[in-house]
Structures are given as C-alpha cells and as structure tokens.
Amino acid sequence: MGMNPAVDNFTAIINPPQSTILAIGTTQKVAVPVENEDGTTGFEWDEQLKVTGSFDHKVVDGAIGAEWLKEFKKVLENPLQLLL
C-alpha cells in the first residue's frame, strides 16, 4: 500500500498459515534537526517511511521479529550491504 500517497502507515493482518507479514507505507518528507559544521543547529528535509511487522507469536518470538526489523532498517538505509 506504500504506492498510495494517501496511506502513510497501516498494520497488516496475518492470514494462516503465514507467520509474518510486513506493511510498508509511503515515503514522506519530514523536517529533522541537524547540527551544522559551525556548531549551529537547523533543519533538513528527509524522506522517511514507516514499516510495521506483524508476527504470529506461536511461531516467531517478538524479540526475534524486532531484531529482523532492525536488520531490515539497516539494509534499507544502506542497500549496498546486500552485495557484500
């Protein structure tokens, strides 16, 4: 649903026999604080998206699911890691 600009985030529902499902929203421009080289602070526009993982806790422990989402975030931030 991330291709629809009206949907910034959502929660996907697991359908048996699935154990995990990933919901990816659309990108949004967000003002984030930055510190400039001269020590002053300001804001920059950053494109962000929201990702939600739903896990069947009978199959996948929530802590393991959270670790997977953490690694997924790293890959999204640096896709060249997939080549290494």
PDB file of N, CA and C in Angstrom:
ATOM      1  N   MET A   1       0.817  -1.186   0.000  1.00  0.00           N
ATOM      2  CA  MET A   1       0.000   0.000   0.000  1.00  0.00           C
ATOM      3  C   MET A   1       0.864   1.254   0.000  1.00  0.00           C
ATOM      4  N   GLY A   2       2.186   1.089   0.073  1.00  0.00           N
ATOM      5  CA  GLY A   2       3.075   2.233   0.092  1.00  0.00           C
ATOM      6  C   GLY A   2       3.042   3.039  -1.186  1.00  0.00           C
ATOM      7  N   MET A   3       2.531   2.456  -2.272  1.00  0.00           N
ATOM      8  CA  MET A   3       2.462   3.195  -3.530  1.00  0.00           C
ATOM      9  C   MET A   3       1.323   4.209  -3.536  1.00  0.00           C
ATOM     10  N   ASN A   4       0.414   4.112  -2.577  1.00  0.00           N
ATOM     11  CA  ASN A   4      -0.710   5.030  -2.469  1.00  0.00           C
ATOM     12  C   ASN A   4      -0.311   6.189  -1.558  1.00  0.00           C
ATOM     13  N   PRO A   5      -0.202   7.418  -2.088  1.00  0.00           N
ATOM     14  CA  PRO A   5       0.272   8.536  -1.260  1.00  0.00           C
ATOM     15  C   PRO A   5      -0.655   8.890  -0.101  1.00  0.00           C
ATOM     16  N   ALA A   6      -1.881   8.399  -0.109  1.00  0.00           N
ATOM     17  CA  ALA A   6      -2.810   8.703   0.977  1.00  0.00           C
ATOM     18  C   ALA A   6      -2.574   7.827   2.207  1.00  0.00           C
ATOM     19  N   VAL A   7      -1.803   6.738   2.051  1.00  0.00           N
ATOM     20  CA  VAL A   7      -1.582   5.797   3.156  1.00  0.00           C
ATOM     21  C   VAL A   7      -0.146   5.939   3.637  1.00  0.00           C
ATOM     22  N   ASP A   8       0.042   6.596   4.789  1.00  0.00           N
ATOM     23  CA  ASP A   8       1.414   6.752   5.284  1.00  0.00           C
ATOM     24  C   ASP A   8       1.847   5.562   6.131  1.00  0.00           C
ATOM     25  N   ASN A   9       0.918   4.888   6.811  1.00  0.00           N
ATOM     26  CA  ASN A   9       1.239   3.647   7.513  1.00  0.00           C
ATOM     27  C   ASN A   9      -0.036   2.847   7.747  1.00  0.00           C
ATOM     28  N   PHE A  10       0.133   1.558   7.996  1.00  0.00           N
ATOM     29  CA  PHE A  10      -1.001   0.684   8.268  1.00  0.00           C
ATOM     30  C   PHE A  10      -0.470  -0.577   8.936  1.00  0.00           C
ATOM     31  N   THR A  11      -1.366  -1.371   9.470  1.00  0.00           N
ATOM     32  CA  THR A  11      -0.994  -2.637  10.097  1.00  0.00           C
ATOM     33  C   THR A  11      -1.612  -3.767   9.289  1.00  0.00           C
ATOM     34  N   ALA A  12      -0.769  -4.672   8.820  1.00  0.00           N
ATOM     35  CA  ALA A  12      -1.247  -5.808   8.039  1.00  0.00           C
ATOM     36  C   ALA A  12      -1.696  -6.928   8.979  1.00  0.00           C
ATOM     37  N   ILE A  13      -2.666  -7.702   8.544  1.00  0.00           N
ATOM     38  CA  ILE A  13      -3.213  -8.802   9.346  1.00  0.00           C
ATOM     39  C   ILE A  13      -2.658 -10.119   8.818  1.00  0.00           C
ATOM     40  N   ILE A  14      -2.189 -10.947   9.732  1.00  0.00           N
ATOM     41  CA  ILE A  14      -1.623 -12.247   9.366  1.00  0.00           C
ATOM     42  C   ILE A  14      -2.753 -13.202   8.997  1.00  0.00           C
ATOM     43  N   ASN A  15      -2.584 -13.874   7.869  1.00  0.00           N
ATOM     44  CA  ASN A  15      -3.541 -14.889   7.425  1.00  0.00           C
ATOM     45  C   ASN A  15      -2.884 -16.258   7.564  1.00  0.00           C
ATOM     46  N   PRO A  16      -3.466 -17.179   8.350  1.00  0.00           N
ATOM     47  CA  PRO A  16      -2.871 -18.513   8.466  1.00  0.00           C
ATOM     48  C   PRO A  16      -2.774 -19.155   7.087  1.00  0.00           C
ATOM     49  N   PRO A  17      -1.726 -19.858   6.770  1.00  0.00           N
ATOM     50  CA  PRO A  17      -0.639 -20.343   7.610  1.00  0.00           C
ATOM     51  C   PRO A  17       0.571 -19.399   7.665  1.00  0.00           C
ATOM     52  N   GLN A  18       0.416 -18.139   7.307  1.00  0.00           N
ATOM     53  CA  GLN A  18       1.542 -17.210   7.371  1.00  0.00           C
ATOM     54  C   GLN A  18       1.953 -16.995   8.823  1.00  0.00           C
ATOM     55  N   SER A  19       3.250 -16.707   9.015  1.00  0.00           N
ATOM     56  CA  SER A  19       3.735 -16.431  10.365  1.00  0.00           C
ATOM     57  C   SER A  19       4.158 -14.978  10.525  1.00  0.00           C
ATOM     58  N   THR A  20       4.385 -14.293   9.405  1.00  0.00           N
ATOM     59  CA  THR A  20       4.868 -12.912   9.439  1.00  0.00           C
ATOM     60  C   THR A  20       4.331 -12.166   8.231  1.00  0.00           C
ATOM     61  N   ILE A  21       4.060 -10.890   8.408  1.00  0.00           N
ATOM     62  CA  ILE A  21       3.689 -10.041   7.276  1.00  0.00           C
ATOM     63  C   ILE A  21       4.272  -8.658   7.512  1.00  0.00           C
ATOM     64  N   LEU A  22       4.693  -8.022   6.441  1.00  0.00           N
ATOM     65  CA  LEU A  22       5.348  -6.721   6.504  1.00  0.00           C
ATOM     66  C   LEU A  22       4.461  -5.684   5.832  1.00  0.00           C
ATOM     67  N   ALA A  23       4.234  -4.565   6.507  1.00  0.00           N
ATOM     68  CA  ALA A  23       3.439  -3.464   5.960  1.00  0.00           C
ATOM     69  C   ALA A  23       4.361  -2.269   5.749  1.00  0.00           C
ATOM     70  N   ILE A  24       4.422  -1.769   4.516  1.00  0.00           N
ATOM     71  CA  ILE A  24       5.305  -0.645   4.182  1.00  0.00           C
ATOM     72  C   ILE A  24       4.452   0.507   3.679  1.00  0.00           C
ATOM     73  N   GLY A  25       4.536   1.640   4.362  1.00  0.00           N
ATOM     74  CA  GLY A  25       3.792   2.833   3.977  1.00  0.00           C
ATOM     75  C   GLY A  25       4.529   3.632   2.916  1.00  0.00           C
ATOM     76  N   THR A  26       3.973   4.772   2.549  1.00  0.00           N
ATOM     77  CA  THR A  26       4.576   5.633   1.540  1.00  0.00           C
ATOM     78  C   THR A  26       5.643   6.528   2.172  1.00  0.00           C
ATOM     79  N   THR A  27       6.525   7.065   1.353  1.00  0.00           N
ATOM     80  CA  THR A  27       7.547   7.975   1.873  1.00  0.00           C
ATOM     81  C   THR A  27       6.930   9.339   2.136  1.00  0.00           C
ATOM     82  N   GLN A  28       7.455  10.003   3.153  1.00  0.00           N
ATOM     83  CA  GLN A  28       7.024  11.355   3.493  1.00  0.00           C
ATOM     84  C   GLN A  28       8.253  12.205   3.756  1.00  0.00           C
ATOM     85  N   LYS A  29       8.172  13.480   3.377  1.00  0.00           N
ATOM     86  CA  LYS A  29       9.247  14.414   3.702  1.00  0.00           C
ATOM     87  C   LYS A  29       9.013  14.929   5.116  1.00  0.00           C
ATOM     88  N   VAL A  30      10.052  14.785   5.955  1.00  0.00           N
ATOM     89  CA  VAL A  30       9.966  15.162   7.361  1.00  0.00           C
ATOM     90  C   VAL A  30      11.136  16.085   7.683  1.00  0.00           C
ATOM     91  N   ALA A  31      10.874  17.155   8.430  1.00  0.00           N
ATOM     92  CA  ALA A  31      11.943  18.049   8.877  1.00  0.00           C
ATOM     93  C   ALA A  31      12.646  17.404  10.066  1.00  0.00           C
ATOM     94  N   VAL A  32      13.963  17.207   9.935  1.00  0.00           N
ATOM     95  CA  VAL A  32      14.745  16.612  11.017  1.00  0.00           C
ATOM     96  C   VAL A  32      15.819  17.595  11.466  1.00  0.00           C
ATOM     97  N   PRO A  33      16.099  17.657  12.767  1.00  0.00           N
ATOM     98  CA  PRO A  33      17.129  18.580  13.249  1.00  0.00           C
ATOM     99  C   PRO A  33      18.523  18.092  12.869  1.00  0.00           C
ATOM    100  N   VAL A  34      19.395  19.038  12.507  1.00  0.00           N
ATOM    101  CA  VAL A  34      20.791  18.728  12.183  1.00  0.00           C
ATOM    102  C   VAL A  34      21.690  19.761  12.849  1.00  0.00           C
ATOM    103  N   GLU A  35      22.928  19.348  13.087  1.00  0.00           N
ATOM    104  CA  GLU A  35      23.925  20.273  13.605  1.00  0.00           C
ATOM    105  C   GLU A  35      24.900  20.562  12.477  1.00  0.00           C
ATOM    106  N   ASN A  36      25.067  21.836  12.137  1.00  0.00           N
ATOM    107  CA  ASN A  36      25.948  22.243  11.050  1.00  0.00           C
ATOM    108  C   ASN A  36      27.407  22.192  11.498  1.00  0.00           C
ATOM    109  N   GLU A  37      28.321  22.294  10.528  1.00  0.00           N
ATOM    110  CA  GLU A  37      29.748  22.226  10.828  1.00  0.00           C
ATOM    111  C   GLU A  37      30.200  23.347  11.753  1.00  0.00           C
ATOM    112  N   ASP A  38      29.542  24.498  11.686  1.00  0.00           N
ATOM    113  CA  ASP A  38      29.935  25.627  12.536  1.00  0.00           C
ATOM    114  C   ASP A  38      29.300  25.557  13.930  1.00  0.00           C
ATOM    115  N   GLY A  39      28.595  24.471  14.239  1.00  0.00           N
ATOM    116  CA  GLY A  39      28.013  24.288  15.563  1.00  0.00           C
ATOM    117  C   GLY A  39      26.583  24.768  15.702  1.00  0.00           C
ATOM    118  N   THR A  40      26.066  25.454  14.695  1.00  0.00           N
ATOM    119  CA  THR A  40      24.680  25.908  14.762  1.00  0.00           C
ATOM    120  C   THR A  40      23.744  24.747  14.437  1.00  0.00           C
ATOM    121  N   THR A  41      22.520  24.880  14.872  1.00  0.00           N
ATOM    122  CA  THR A  41      21.538  23.841  14.582  1.00  0.00           C
ATOM    123  C   THR A  41      20.527  24.355  13.574  1.00  0.00           C
ATOM    124  N   GLY A  42      19.956  23.442  12.856  1.00  0.00           N
ATOM    125  CA  GLY A  42      18.954  23.788  11.858  1.00  0.00           C
ATOM    126  C   GLY A  42      18.122  22.560  11.533  1.00  0.00           C
ATOM    127  N   PHE A  43      17.444  22.617  10.403  1.00  0.00           N
ATOM    128  CA  PHE A  43      16.605  21.508   9.967  1.00  0.00           C
ATOM    129  C   PHE A  43      16.909  21.177   8.520  1.00  0.00           C
ATOM    130  N   GLU A  44      16.773  19.900   8.180  1.00  0.00           N
ATOM    131  CA  GLU A  44      16.874  19.422   6.803  1.00  0.00           C
ATOM    132  C   GLU A  44      15.639  18.579   6.521  1.00  0.00           C
ATOM    133  N   TRP A  45      15.269  18.510   5.250  1.00  0.00           N
ATOM    134  CA  TRP A  45      14.165  17.649   4.844  1.00  0.00           C
ATOM    135  C   TRP A  45      14.716  16.262   4.574  1.00  0.00           C
ATOM    136  N   ASP A  46      14.061  15.261   5.125  1.00  0.00           N
ATOM    137  CA  ASP A  46      14.482  13.876   4.979  1.00  0.00           C
ATOM    138  C   ASP A  46      13.273  13.057   4.546  1.00  0.00           C
ATOM    139  N   GLU A  47      13.481  12.131   3.615  1.00  0.00           N
ATOM    140  CA  GLU A  47      12.387  11.245   3.207  1.00  0.00           C
ATOM    141  C   GLU A  47      12.388  10.032   4.123  1.00  0.00           C
ATOM    142  N   GLN A  48      11.250   9.767   4.748  1.00  0.00           N
ATOM    143  CA  GLN A  48      11.121   8.652   5.674  1.00  0.00           C
ATOM    144  C   GLN A  48       9.898   7.830   5.309  1.00  0.00           C
ATOM    145  N   LEU A  49       9.927   6.566   5.698  1.00  0.00           N
ATOM    146  CA  LEU A  49       8.750   5.717   5.539  1.00  0.00           C
ATOM    147  C   LEU A  49       8.571   4.884   6.794  1.00  0.00           C
ATOM    148  N   LYS A  50       7.348   4.449   7.015  1.00  0.00           N
ATOM    149  CA  LYS A  50       7.041   3.647   8.196  1.00  0.00           C
ATOM    150  C   LYS A  50       6.845   2.199   7.781  1.00  0.00           C
ATOM    151  N   VAL A  51       7.478   1.307   8.534  1.00  0.00           N
ATOM    152  CA  VAL A  51       7.393  -0.127   8.289  1.00  0.00           C
ATOM    153  C   VAL A  51       6.846  -0.785   9.554  1.00  0.00           C
ATOM    154  N   THR A  52       5.863  -1.655   9.382  1.00  0.00           N
ATOM    155  CA  THR A  52       5.273  -2.373  10.508  1.00  0.00           C
ATOM    156  C   THR A  52       5.354  -3.865  10.234  1.00  0.00           C
ATOM    157  N   GLY A  53       5.847  -4.607  11.192  1.00  0.00           N
ATOM    158  CA  GLY A  53       5.890  -6.061  11.080  1.00  0.00           C
ATOM    159  C   GLY A  53       4.889  -6.681  12.035  1.00  0.00           C
ATOM    160  N   SER A  54       4.104  -7.623  11.536  1.00  0.00           N
ATOM    161  CA  SER A  54       3.183  -8.385  12.387  1.00  0.00           C
ATOM    162  C   SER A  54       3.689  -9.820  12.430  1.00  0.00           C
ATOM    163  N   PHE A  55       3.784 -10.385  13.630  1.00  0.00           N
ATOM    164  CA  PHE A  55       4.358 -11.714  13.807  1.00  0.00           C
ATOM    165  C   PHE A  55       3.400 -12.594  14.602  1.00  0.00           C
ATOM    166  N   ASP A  56       3.247 -13.834  14.159  1.00  0.00           N
ATOM    167  CA  ASP A  56       2.478 -14.823  14.911  1.00  0.00           C
ATOM    168  C   ASP A  56       3.384 -15.319  16.034  1.00  0.00           C
ATOM    169  N   HIS A  57       3.067 -14.968  17.265  1.00  0.00           N
ATOM    170  CA  HIS A  57       3.945 -15.285  18.392  1.00  0.00           C
ATOM    171  C   HIS A  57       3.959 -16.772  18.739  1.00  0.00           C
ATOM    172  N   LYS A  58       3.112 -17.565  18.103  1.00  0.00           N
ATOM    173  CA  LYS A  58       3.206 -19.018  18.268  1.00  0.00           C
ATOM    174  C   LYS A  58       4.368 -19.565  17.445  1.00  0.00           C
ATOM    175  N   VAL A  59       4.793 -18.803  16.420  1.00  0.00           N
ATOM    176  CA  VAL A  59       5.844 -19.254  15.514  1.00  0.00           C
ATOM    177  C   VAL A  59       7.113 -18.423  15.670  1.00  0.00           C
ATOM    178  N   VAL A  60       6.974 -17.099  15.746  1.00  0.00           N
ATOM    179  CA  VAL A  60       8.117 -16.183  15.799  1.00  0.00           C
ATOM    180  C   VAL A  60       8.051 -15.392  17.100  1.00  0.00           C
ATOM    181  N   ASP A  61       9.119 -15.466  17.890  1.00  0.00           N
ATOM    182  CA  ASP A  61       9.190 -14.681  19.120  1.00  0.00           C
ATOM    183  C   ASP A  61       9.284 -13.201  18.768  1.00  0.00           C
ATOM    184  N   GLY A  62       8.614 -12.356  19.535  1.00  0.00           N
ATOM    185  CA  GLY A  62       8.605 -10.920  19.257  1.00  0.00           C
ATOM    186  C   GLY A  62       9.990 -10.305  19.260  1.00  0.00           C
ATOM    187  N   ALA A  63      10.882 -10.787  20.131  1.00  0.00           N
ATOM    188  CA  ALA A  63      12.248 -10.253  20.182  1.00  0.00           C
ATOM    189  C   ALA A  63      13.003 -10.574  18.895  1.00  0.00           C
ATOM    190  N   ILE A  64      12.796 -11.762  18.364  1.00  0.00           N
ATOM    191  CA  ILE A  64      13.443 -12.137  17.101  1.00  0.00           C
ATOM    192  C   ILE A  64      12.864 -11.308  15.960  1.00  0.00           C
ATOM    193  N   GLY A  65      11.563 -11.084  15.981  1.00  0.00           N
ATOM    194  CA  GLY A  65      10.937 -10.231  14.971  1.00  0.00           C
ATOM    195  C   GLY A  65      11.478  -8.814  15.020  1.00  0.00           C
ATOM    196  N   ALA A  66      11.692  -8.290  16.223  1.00  0.00           N
ATOM    197  CA  ALA A  66      12.250  -6.943  16.374  1.00  0.00           C
ATOM    198  C   ALA A  66      13.676  -6.883  15.845  1.00  0.00           C
ATOM    199  N   GLU A  67      14.465  -7.924  16.087  1.00  0.00           N
ATOM    200  CA  GLU A  67      15.834  -7.973  15.549  1.00  0.00           C
ATOM    201  C   GLU A  67      15.806  -7.996  14.022  1.00  0.00           C
ATOM    202  N   TRP A  68      14.858  -8.745  13.447  1.00  0.00           N
ATOM    203  CA  TRP A  68      14.749  -8.801  11.992  1.00  0.00           C
ATOM    204  C   TRP A  68      14.411  -7.423  11.434  1.00  0.00           C
ATOM    205  N   LEU A  69      13.462  -6.724  12.080  1.00  0.00           N
ATOM    206  CA  LEU A  69      13.104  -5.377  11.630  1.00  0.00           C
ATOM    207  C   LEU A  69      14.293  -4.425  11.738  1.00  0.00           C
ATOM    208  N   LYS A  70      15.116  -4.588  12.769  1.00  0.00           N
ATOM    209  CA  LYS A  70      16.311  -3.757  12.936  1.00  0.00           C
ATOM    210  C   LYS A  70      17.284  -3.980  11.775  1.00  0.00           C
ATOM    211  N   GLU A  71      17.491  -5.242  11.393  1.00  0.00           N
ATOM    212  CA  GLU A  71      18.370  -5.546  10.259  1.00  0.00           C
ATOM    213  C   GLU A  71      17.766  -5.047   8.949  1.00  0.00           C
ATOM    214  N   PHE A  72      16.445  -5.161   8.811  1.00  0.00           N
ATOM    215  CA  PHE A  72      15.763  -4.664   7.615  1.00  0.00           C
ATOM    216  C   PHE A  72      15.969  -3.159   7.475  1.00  0.00           C
ATOM    217  N   LYS A  73      15.902  -2.440   8.584  1.00  0.00           N
ATOM    218  CA  LYS A  73      16.144  -0.994   8.595  1.00  0.00           C
ATOM    219  C   LYS A  73      17.562  -0.681   8.119  1.00  0.00           C
ATOM    220  N   LYS A  74      18.546  -1.456   8.589  1.00  0.00           N
ATOM    221  CA  LYS A  74      19.939  -1.241   8.169  1.00  0.00           C
ATOM    222  C   LYS A  74      20.085  -1.424   6.659  1.00  0.00           C
ATOM    223  N   VAL A  75      19.432  -2.451   6.119  1.00  0.00           N
ATOM    224  CA  VAL A  75      19.522  -2.718   4.677  1.00  0.00           C
ATOM    225  C   VAL A  75      18.843  -1.606   3.882  1.00  0.00           C
ATOM    226  N   LEU A  76      17.702  -1.109   4.363  1.00  0.00           N
ATOM    227  CA  LEU A  76      17.030  -0.007   3.666  1.00  0.00           C
ATOM    228  C   LEU A  76      17.888   1.254   3.665  1.00  0.00           C
ATOM    229  N   GLU A  77      18.593   1.497   4.773  1.00  0.00           N
ATOM    230  CA  GLU A  77      19.427   2.689   4.867  1.00  0.00           C
ATOM    231  C   GLU A  77      20.704   2.562   4.048  1.00  0.00           C
ATOM    232  N   ASN A  78      21.177   1.327   3.822  1.00  0.00           N
ATOM    233  CA  ASN A  78      22.392   1.098   3.051  1.00  0.00           C
ATOM    234  C   ASN A  78      22.216  -0.156   2.191  1.00  0.00           C
ATOM    235  N   PRO A  79      21.553  -0.041   1.033  1.00  0.00           N
ATOM    236  CA  PRO A  79      21.255  -1.221   0.217  1.00  0.00           C
ATOM    237  C   PRO A  79      22.486  -1.919  -0.357  1.00  0.00           C
ATOM    238  N   LEU A  80      23.625  -1.243  -0.406  1.00  0.00           N
ATOM    239  CA  LEU A  80      24.834  -1.891  -0.915  1.00  0.00           C
ATOM    240  C   LEU A  80      25.295  -3.029  -0.012  1.00  0.00           C
ATOM    241  N   GLN A  81      24.827  -3.080   1.228  1.00  0.00           N
ATOM    242  CA  GLN A  81      25.153  -4.187   2.126  1.00  0.00           C
ATOM    243  C   GLN A  81      24.690  -5.521   1.551  1.00  0.00           C
ATOM    244  N   LEU A  82      23.662  -5.497   0.723  1.00  0.00           N
ATOM    245  CA  LEU A  82      23.159  -6.736   0.135  1.00  0.00           C
ATOM    246  C   LEU A  82      24.170  -7.368  -0.808  1.00  0.00           C
ATOM    247  N   LEU A  83      25.073  -6.564  -1.345  1.00  0.00           N
ATOM    248  CA  LEU A  83      26.065  -7.078  -2.285  1.00  0.00           C
ATOM    249  C   LEU A  83      27.287  -7.653  -1.589  1.00  0.00           C
ATOM    250  N   LEU A  84      27.447  -7.373  -0.312  1.00  0.00           N
ATOM    251  CA  LEU A  84      28.626  -7.843   0.423  1.00  0.00           C
ATOM    252  C   LEU A  84      28.382  -9.158   1.108  1.00  0.00           C
TER     253      LEU A  84
END
